[in-house]
């Protein structure tokens, strides 16, 4: 398959890689924060895996100029019980 710029694009199924990242995050979270930490770690691990998968495509290398910053922001979503107690 070729994209609109003429680059060869390979279609892959990366579900296994994302699941492995989520499992690693859950394990680390469980060690550091118990059951609640496991849930948070699984989410963070899955997001990190998806970012790695997204940026690990075969194609032109992405470079940043000296002094550039890549900012990743993660926010906790409030559940209904947390909203009512605040």
PDB file of N, CA and C in Angstrom:
ATOM      1  N   UNK A   1       0.853  -1.167   0.000  1.00  0.00           N
ATOM      2  CA  UNK A   1       0.000   0.000   0.000  1.00  0.00           C
ATOM      3  C   UNK A   1       0.903   1.235   0.000  1.00  0.00           C
ATOM      4  N   UNK A   2       0.483   2.270  -0.708  1.00  0.00           N
ATOM      5  CA  UNK A   2       1.243   3.505  -0.822  1.00  0.00           C
ATOM      6  C   UNK A   2       0.359   4.662  -0.384  1.00  0.00           C
ATOM      7  N   UNK A   3       0.903   5.570   0.442  1.00  0.00           N
ATOM      8  CA  UNK A   3       0.114   6.722   0.886  1.00  0.00           C
ATOM      9  C   UNK A   3       0.124   7.826  -0.159  1.00  0.00           C
ATOM     10  N   UNK A   4      -0.522   8.948   0.157  1.00  0.00           N
ATOM     11  CA  UNK A   4      -0.657  10.047  -0.802  1.00  0.00           C
ATOM     12  C   UNK A   4       0.669  10.705  -1.176  1.00  0.00           C
ATOM     13  N   UNK A   5       1.711  10.483  -0.381  1.00  0.00           N
ATOM     14  CA  UNK A   5       3.027  11.053  -0.676  1.00  0.00           C
ATOM     15  C   UNK A   5       3.947  10.058  -1.372  1.00  0.00           C
ATOM     16  N   UNK A   6       3.443   8.865  -1.665  1.00  0.00           N
ATOM     17  CA  UNK A   6       4.236   7.854  -2.347  1.00  0.00           C
ATOM     18  C   UNK A   6       5.069   6.979  -1.442  1.00  0.00           C
ATOM     19  N   UNK A   7       4.888   7.082  -0.131  1.00  0.00           N
ATOM     20  CA  UNK A   7       5.613   6.242   0.814  1.00  0.00           C
ATOM     21  C   UNK A   7       4.937   4.891   0.939  1.00  0.00           C
ATOM     22  N   UNK A   8       5.742   3.831   1.018  1.00  0.00           N
ATOM     23  CA  UNK A   8       5.199   2.493   1.196  1.00  0.00           C
ATOM     24  C   UNK A   8       4.742   2.346   2.639  1.00  0.00           C
ATOM     25  N   UNK A   9       3.497   1.921   2.825  1.00  0.00           N
ATOM     26  CA  UNK A   9       2.916   1.773   4.153  1.00  0.00           C
ATOM     27  C   UNK A   9       2.537   0.307   4.342  1.00  0.00           C
ATOM     28  N   UNK A  10       3.028  -0.268   5.437  1.00  0.00           N
ATOM     29  CA  UNK A  10       2.681  -1.643   5.763  1.00  0.00           C
ATOM     30  C   UNK A  10       1.597  -1.639   6.827  1.00  0.00           C
ATOM     31  N   UNK A  11       0.562  -2.417   6.600  1.00  0.00           N
ATOM     32  CA  UNK A  11      -0.499  -2.511   7.599  1.00  0.00           C
ATOM     33  C   UNK A  11      -0.131  -3.632   8.566  1.00  0.00           C
ATOM     34  N   UNK A  12      -0.152  -3.309   9.851  1.00  0.00           N
ATOM     35  CA  UNK A  12       0.197  -4.288  10.889  1.00  0.00           C
ATOM     36  C   UNK A  12      -0.904  -4.330  11.929  1.00  0.00           C
ATOM     37  N   UNK A  13      -0.984  -5.445  12.609  1.00  0.00           N
ATOM     38  CA  UNK A  13      -1.883  -5.575  13.742  1.00  0.00           C
ATOM     39  C   UNK A  13      -1.026  -5.463  15.001  1.00  0.00           C
ATOM     40  N   UNK A  14      -1.165  -4.366  15.721  1.00  0.00           N
ATOM     41  CA  UNK A  14      -0.319  -4.100  16.890  1.00  0.00           C
ATOM     42  C   UNK A  14      -1.057  -4.314  18.210  1.00  0.00           C
ATOM     43  N   UNK A  15      -2.130  -5.081  18.174  1.00  0.00           N
ATOM     44  CA  UNK A  15      -2.901  -5.298  19.403  1.00  0.00           C
ATOM     45  C   UNK A  15      -2.051  -5.993  20.467  1.00  0.00           C
ATOM     46  N   UNK A  16      -1.240  -6.941  20.043  1.00  0.00           N
ATOM     47  CA  UNK A  16      -0.382  -7.661  20.994  1.00  0.00           C
ATOM     48  C   UNK A  16       0.613  -6.740  21.679  1.00  0.00           C
ATOM     49  N   UNK A  17       1.182  -5.828  20.913  1.00  0.00           N
ATOM     50  CA  UNK A  17       2.144  -4.881  21.500  1.00  0.00           C
ATOM     51  C   UNK A  17       1.465  -3.951  22.498  1.00  0.00           C
ATOM     52  N   UNK A  18       0.271  -3.486  22.157  1.00  0.00           N
ATOM     53  CA  UNK A  18      -0.467  -2.603  23.066  1.00  0.00           C
ATOM     54  C   UNK A  18      -0.863  -3.357  24.331  1.00  0.00           C
ATOM     55  N   UNK A  19      -1.288  -4.599  24.183  1.00  0.00           N
ATOM     56  CA  UNK A  19      -1.670  -5.406  25.345  1.00  0.00           C
ATOM     57  C   UNK A  19      -0.467  -5.672  26.249  1.00  0.00           C
ATOM     58  N   UNK A  20       0.692  -5.912  25.645  1.00  0.00           N
ATOM     59  CA  UNK A  20       1.899  -6.145  26.443  1.00  0.00           C
ATOM     60  C   UNK A  20       2.278  -4.896  27.229  1.00  0.00           C
ATOM     61  N   UNK A  21       2.146  -3.738  26.606  1.00  0.00           N
ATOM     62  CA  UNK A  21       2.437  -2.494  27.313  1.00  0.00           C
ATOM     63  C   UNK A  21       1.482  -2.249  28.456  1.00  0.00           C
ATOM     64  N   UNK A  22       0.199  -2.562  28.215  1.00  0.00           N
ATOM     65  CA  UNK A  22      -0.797  -2.403  29.275  1.00  0.00           C
ATOM     66  C   UNK A  22      -0.525  -3.366  30.426  1.00  0.00           C
ATOM     67  N   UNK A  23      -0.139  -4.594  30.093  1.00  0.00           N
ATOM     68  CA  UNK A  23       0.160  -5.583  31.137  1.00  0.00           C
ATOM     69  C   UNK A  23       1.386  -5.167  31.954  1.00  0.00           C
ATOM     70  N   UNK A  24       2.399  -4.664  31.271  1.00  0.00           N
ATOM     71  CA  UNK A  24       3.599  -4.210  31.995  1.00  0.00           C
ATOM     72  C   UNK A  24       3.259  -3.031  32.902  1.00  0.00           C
ATOM     73  N   UNK A  25       2.445  -2.112  32.411  1.00  0.00           N
ATOM     74  CA  UNK A  25       2.031  -0.974  33.228  1.00  0.00           C
ATOM     75  C   UNK A  25       1.206  -1.414  34.420  1.00  0.00           C
ATOM     76  N   UNK A  26       0.321  -2.386  34.206  1.00  0.00           N
ATOM     77  CA  UNK A  26      -0.502  -2.900  35.302  1.00  0.00           C
ATOM     78  C   UNK A  26       0.356  -3.571  36.365  1.00  0.00           C
ATOM     79  N   UNK A  27       1.350  -4.337  35.925  1.00  0.00           N
ATOM     80  CA  UNK A  27       2.231  -5.017  36.881  1.00  0.00           C
ATOM     81  C   UNK A  27       3.019  -4.002  37.708  1.00  0.00           C
ATOM     82  N   UNK A  28       3.585  -3.027  37.048  1.00  0.00           N
ATOM     83  CA  UNK A  28       4.343  -2.008  37.765  1.00  0.00           C
ATOM     84  C   UNK A  28       3.431  -1.207  38.696  1.00  0.00           C
ATOM     85  N   UNK A  29       2.242  -0.861  38.189  1.00  0.00           N
ATOM     86  CA  UNK A  29       1.286  -0.127  39.017  1.00  0.00           C
ATOM     87  C   UNK A  29       0.851  -0.922  40.240  1.00  0.00           C
ATOM     88  N   UNK A  30       0.652  -2.231  40.064  1.00  0.00           N
ATOM     89  CA  UNK A  30       0.251  -3.075  41.189  1.00  0.00           C
ATOM     90  C   UNK A  30       1.345  -3.135  42.251  1.00  0.00           C
ATOM     91  N   UNK A  31       2.586  -3.192  41.802  1.00  0.00           N
ATOM     92  CA  UNK A  31       3.707  -3.231  42.743  1.00  0.00           C
ATOM     93  C   UNK A  31       3.786  -1.925  43.532  1.00  0.00           C
ATOM     94  N   UNK A  32       3.591  -0.810  42.826  1.00  0.00           N
ATOM     95  CA  UNK A  32       3.757   0.494  43.464  1.00  0.00           C
ATOM     96  C   UNK A  32       2.513   1.002  44.173  1.00  0.00           C
ATOM     97  N   UNK A  33       1.323   0.593  43.693  1.00  0.00           N
ATOM     98  CA  UNK A  33       0.118   1.186  44.263  1.00  0.00           C
ATOM     99  C   UNK A  33      -1.030   0.250  44.506  1.00  0.00           C
ATOM    100  N   UNK A  34      -0.788  -1.045  44.509  1.00  0.00           N
ATOM    101  CA  UNK A  34      -1.862  -1.997  44.770  1.00  0.00           C
ATOM    102  C   UNK A  34      -2.870  -2.050  43.630  1.00  0.00           C
ATOM    103  N   UNK A  35      -4.099  -2.488  43.933  1.00  0.00           N
ATOM    104  CA  UNK A  35      -5.118  -2.639  42.886  1.00  0.00           C
ATOM    105  C   UNK A  35      -5.424  -1.340  42.136  1.00  0.00           C
ATOM    106  N   UNK A  36      -5.515  -0.246  42.862  1.00  0.00           N
ATOM    107  CA  UNK A  36      -5.788   1.037  42.200  1.00  0.00           C
ATOM    108  C   UNK A  36      -4.618   1.414  41.285  1.00  0.00           C
ATOM    109  N   UNK A  37      -3.417   1.182  41.741  1.00  0.00           N
ATOM    110  CA  UNK A  37      -2.234   1.451  40.927  1.00  0.00           C
ATOM    111  C   UNK A  37      -2.178   0.574  39.695  1.00  0.00           C
ATOM    112  N   UNK A  38      -2.680  -0.657  39.801  1.00  0.00           N
ATOM    113  CA  UNK A  38      -2.705  -1.563  38.647  1.00  0.00           C
ATOM    114  C   UNK A  38      -3.595  -1.002  37.550  1.00  0.00           C
ATOM    115  N   UNK A  39      -4.730  -0.471  37.934  1.00  0.00           N
ATOM    116  CA  UNK A  39      -5.640   0.119  36.947  1.00  0.00           C
ATOM    117  C   UNK A  39      -5.028   1.339  36.276  1.00  0.00           C
ATOM    118  N   UNK A  40      -4.437   2.190  37.069  1.00  0.00           N
ATOM    119  CA  UNK A  40      -3.795   3.389  36.523  1.00  0.00           C
ATOM    120  C   UNK A  40      -2.607   2.983  35.646  1.00  0.00           C
ATOM    121  N   UNK A  41      -1.823   2.039  36.121  1.00  0.00           N
ATOM    122  CA  UNK A  41      -0.658   1.575  35.355  1.00  0.00           C
ATOM    123  C   UNK A  41      -1.045   0.943  34.032  1.00  0.00           C
ATOM    124  N   UNK A  42      -2.144   0.203  34.016  1.00  0.00           N
ATOM    125  CA  UNK A  42      -2.608  -0.414  32.768  1.00  0.00           C
ATOM    126  C   UNK A  42      -2.974   0.658  31.753  1.00  0.00           C
ATOM    127  N   UNK A  43      -3.646   1.697  32.210  1.00  0.00           N
ATOM    128  CA  UNK A  43      -4.013   2.784  31.309  1.00  0.00           C
ATOM    129  C   UNK A  43      -2.801   3.521  30.772  1.00  0.00           C
ATOM    130  N   UNK A  44      -1.877   3.834  31.662  1.00  0.00           N
ATOM    131  CA  UNK A  44      -0.660   4.544  31.246  1.00  0.00           C
ATOM    132  C   UNK A  44       0.172   3.666  30.308  1.00  0.00           C
ATOM    133  N   UNK A  45       0.278   2.384  30.627  1.00  0.00           N
ATOM    134  CA  UNK A  45       1.033   1.462  29.765  1.00  0.00           C
ATOM    135  C   UNK A  45       0.419   1.336  28.386  1.00  0.00           C
ATOM    136  N   UNK A  46      -0.899   1.275  28.321  1.00  0.00           N
ATOM    137  CA  UNK A  46      -1.579   1.175  27.027  1.00  0.00           C
ATOM    138  C   UNK A  46      -1.361   2.438  26.201  1.00  0.00           C
ATOM    139  N   UNK A  47      -1.489   3.596  26.836  1.00  0.00           N
ATOM    140  CA  UNK A  47      -1.282   4.859  26.118  1.00  0.00           C
ATOM    141  C   UNK A  47       0.160   4.962  25.628  1.00  0.00           C
ATOM    142  N   UNK A  48       1.101   4.620  26.482  1.00  0.00           N
ATOM    143  CA  UNK A  48       2.512   4.675  26.083  1.00  0.00           C
ATOM    144  C   UNK A  48       2.777   3.724  24.916  1.00  0.00           C
ATOM    145  N   UNK A  49       2.191   2.542  24.951  1.00  0.00           N
ATOM    146  CA  UNK A  49       2.366   1.582  23.862  1.00  0.00           C
ATOM    147  C   UNK A  49       1.800   2.123  22.562  1.00  0.00           C
ATOM    148  N   UNK A  50       0.629   2.720  22.636  1.00  0.00           N
ATOM    149  CA  UNK A  50       0.016   3.269  21.430  1.00  0.00           C
ATOM    150  C   UNK A  50       0.847   4.415  20.853  1.00  0.00           C
ATOM    151  N   UNK A  51       1.433   5.230  21.718  1.00  0.00           N
ATOM    152  CA  UNK A  51       2.302   6.305  21.235  1.00  0.00           C
ATOM    153  C   UNK A  51       3.523   5.720  20.535  1.00  0.00           C
ATOM    154  N   UNK A  52       4.132   4.710  21.140  1.00  0.00           N
ATOM    155  CA  UNK A  52       5.298   4.070  20.525  1.00  0.00           C
ATOM    156  C   UNK A  52       4.910   3.445  19.190  1.00  0.00           C
ATOM    157  N   UNK A  53       3.778   2.758  19.145  1.00  0.00           N
ATOM    158  CA  UNK A  53       3.319   2.134  17.903  1.00  0.00           C
ATOM    159  C   UNK A  53       3.072   3.197  16.840  1.00  0.00           C
ATOM    160  N   UNK A  54       2.430   4.275  17.211  1.00  0.00           N
ATOM    161  CA  UNK A  54       2.117   5.343  16.258  1.00  0.00           C
ATOM    162  C   UNK A  54       3.378   5.946  15.657  1.00  0.00           C
ATOM    163  N   UNK A  55       4.418   6.129  16.456  1.00  0.00           N
ATOM    164  CA  UNK A  55       5.631   6.777  15.979  1.00  0.00           C
ATOM    165  C   UNK A  55       6.680   5.801  15.466  1.00  0.00           C
ATOM    166  N   UNK A  56       6.402   4.501  15.483  1.00  0.00           N
ATOM    167  CA  UNK A  56       7.392   3.530  15.018  1.00  0.00           C
ATOM    168  C   UNK A  56       7.058   3.004  13.627  1.00  0.00           C
ATOM    169  N   UNK A  57       6.453   3.821  12.808  1.00  0.00           N
ATOM    170  CA  UNK A  57       6.145   3.429  11.437  1.00  0.00           C
ATOM    171  C   UNK A  57       7.411   3.472  10.597  1.00  0.00           C
ATOM    172  N   UNK A  58       7.395   2.717   9.530  1.00  0.00           N
ATOM    173  CA  UNK A  58       8.518   2.780   8.606  1.00  0.00           C
ATOM    174  C   UNK A  58       8.275   3.929   7.651  1.00  0.00           C
ATOM    175  N   UNK A  59       9.174   4.809   7.600  1.00  0.00           N
ATOM    176  CA  UNK A  59       9.032   5.976   6.741  1.00  0.00           C
ATOM    177  C   UNK A  59      10.109   6.976   7.091  1.00  0.00           C
ATOM    178  N   UNK A  60       9.852   8.202   6.745  1.00  0.00           N
ATOM    179  CA  UNK A  60      10.821   9.259   7.018  1.00  0.00           C
ATOM    180  C   UNK A  60      11.008   9.411   8.526  1.00  0.00           C
ATOM    181  N   UNK A  61      12.240   9.663   8.938  1.00  0.00           N
ATOM    182  CA  UNK A  61      12.523   9.876  10.356  1.00  0.00           C
ATOM    183  C   UNK A  61      12.002  11.238  10.788  1.00  0.00           C
ATOM    184  N   UNK A  62      11.474  11.279  11.993  1.00  0.00           N
ATOM    185  CA  UNK A  62      11.007  12.537  12.565  1.00  0.00           C
ATOM    186  C   UNK A  62      12.130  13.075  13.429  1.00  0.00           C
ATOM    187  N   UNK A  63      12.484  14.328  13.217  1.00  0.00           N
ATOM    188  CA  UNK A  63      13.539  14.943  14.021  1.00  0.00           C
ATOM    189  C   UNK A  63      13.016  16.234  14.634  1.00  0.00           C
ATOM    190  N   UNK A  64      13.592  16.603  15.743  1.00  0.00           N
ATOM    191  CA  UNK A  64      13.245  17.833  16.428  1.00  0.00           C
ATOM    192  C   UNK A  64      14.487  18.706  16.504  1.00  0.00           C
ATOM    193  N   UNK A  65      14.305  19.998  16.313  1.00  0.00           N
ATOM    194  CA  UNK A  65      15.418  20.921  16.434  1.00  0.00           C
ATOM    195  C   UNK A  65      15.896  20.976  17.881  1.00  0.00           C
ATOM    196  N   UNK A  66      17.135  21.364  18.064  1.00  0.00           N
ATOM    197  CA  UNK A  66      17.698  21.510  19.392  1.00  0.00           C
ATOM    198  C   UNK A  66      16.848  22.480  20.200  1.00  0.00           C
ATOM    199  N   UNK A  67      16.510  22.087  21.415  1.00  0.00           N
ATOM    200  CA  UNK A  67      15.698  22.930  22.280  1.00  0.00           C
ATOM    201  C   UNK A  67      14.199  22.697  22.141  1.00  0.00           C
ATOM    202  N   UNK A  68      13.794  21.836  21.208  1.00  0.00           N
ATOM    203  CA  UNK A  68      12.364  21.544  21.048  1.00  0.00           C
ATOM    204  C   UNK A  68      11.863  20.763  22.251  1.00  0.00           C
ATOM    205  N   UNK A  69      10.577  20.897  22.520  1.00  0.00           N
ATOM    206  CA  UNK A  69       9.958  20.166  23.621  1.00  0.00           C
ATOM    207  C   UNK A  69       8.803  19.340  23.100  1.00  0.00           C
ATOM    208  N   UNK A  70       8.686  18.114  23.600  1.00  0.00           N
ATOM    209  CA  UNK A  70       7.546  17.258  23.321  1.00  0.00           C
ATOM    210  C   UNK A  70       6.805  17.122  24.640  1.00  0.00           C
ATOM    211  N   UNK A  71       5.600  17.647  24.707  1.00  0.00           N
ATOM    212  CA  UNK A  71       4.832  17.661  25.946  1.00  0.00           C
ATOM    213  C   UNK A  71       3.704  16.647  25.835  1.00  0.00           C
ATOM    214  N   UNK A  72       3.627  15.749  26.799  1.00  0.00           N
ATOM    215  CA  UNK A  72       2.536  14.783  26.886  1.00  0.00           C
ATOM    216  C   UNK A  72       1.813  15.064  28.188  1.00  0.00           C
ATOM    217  N   UNK A  73       0.527  15.315  28.107  1.00  0.00           N
ATOM    218  CA  UNK A  73      -0.259  15.635  29.294  1.00  0.00           C
ATOM    219  C   UNK A  73      -1.270  14.521  29.544  1.00  0.00           C
ATOM    220  N   UNK A  74      -1.295  14.041  30.774  1.00  0.00           N
ATOM    221  CA  UNK A  74      -2.231  12.990  31.170  1.00  0.00           C
ATOM    222  C   UNK A  74      -3.077  13.535  32.301  1.00  0.00           C
ATOM    223  N   UNK A  75      -4.388  13.427  32.142  1.00  0.00           N
ATOM    224  CA  UNK A  75      -5.294  13.904  33.188  1.00  0.00           C
ATOM    225  C   UNK A  75      -6.166  12.758  33.657  1.00  0.00           C
ATOM    226  N   UNK A  76      -6.450  12.766  34.910  1.00  0.00           N
ATOM    227  CA  UNK A  76      -7.325  11.756  35.496  1.00  0.00           C
ATOM    228  C   UNK A  76      -8.767  12.173  35.277  1.00  0.00           C
ATOM    229  N   UNK A  77      -9.586  11.249  34.828  1.00  0.00           N
ATOM    230  CA  UNK A  77     -11.009  11.525  34.628  1.00  0.00           C
ATOM    231  C   UNK A  77     -11.732  11.334  35.951  1.00  0.00           C
ATOM    232  N   UNK A  78     -12.632  12.227  36.271  1.00  0.00           N
ATOM    233  CA  UNK A  78     -13.423  12.101  37.492  1.00  0.00           C
ATOM    234  C   UNK A  78     -14.571  11.135  37.245  1.00  0.00           C
ATOM    235  N   UNK A  79     -14.765  10.219  38.190  1.00  0.00           N
ATOM    236  CA  UNK A  79     -15.925   9.329  38.107  1.00  0.00           C
ATOM    237  C   UNK A  79     -17.106  10.006  38.785  1.00  0.00           C
ATOM    238  N   UNK A  80     -18.271   9.473  38.624  1.00  0.00           N
ATOM    239  CA  UNK A  80     -19.473  10.062  39.218  1.00  0.00           C
ATOM    240  C   UNK A  80     -19.351  10.164  40.739  1.00  0.00           C
ATOM    241  N   UNK A  81     -18.792   9.154  41.387  1.00  0.00           N
ATOM    242  CA  UNK A  81     -18.672   9.174  42.850  1.00  0.00           C
ATOM    243  C   UNK A  81     -17.707  10.278  43.310  1.00  0.00           C
ATOM    244  N   UNK A  82     -16.655  10.525  42.529  1.00  0.00           N
ATOM    245  CA  UNK A  82     -15.710  11.576  42.902  1.00  0.00           C
ATOM    246  C   UNK A  82     -16.332  12.962  42.721  1.00  0.00           C
ATOM    247  N   UNK A  83     -17.167  13.127  41.697  1.00  0.00           N
ATOM    248  CA  UNK A  83     -17.804  14.425  41.465  1.00  0.00           C
ATOM    249  C   UNK A  83     -18.780  14.764  42.575  1.00  0.00           C
ATOM    250  N   UNK A  84     -19.526  13.763  43.041  1.00  0.00           N
ATOM    251  CA  UNK A  84     -20.542  14.043  44.065  1.00  0.00           C
ATOM    252  C   UNK A  84     -19.928  14.295  45.443  1.00  0.00           C
ATOM    253  N   UNK A  85     -18.709  13.774  45.674  1.00  0.00           N
ATOM    254  CA  UNK A  85     -18.085  13.964  46.988  1.00  0.00           C
ATOM    255  C   UNK A  85     -17.323  15.273  47.081  1.00  0.00           C
ATOM    256  N   UNK A  86     -17.109  15.948  45.960  1.00  0.00           N
ATOM    257  CA  UNK A  86     -16.357  17.218  45.981  1.00  0.00           C
ATOM    258  C   UNK A  86     -17.257  18.402  46.156  1.00  0.00           C
TER     259      UNK A  86
END
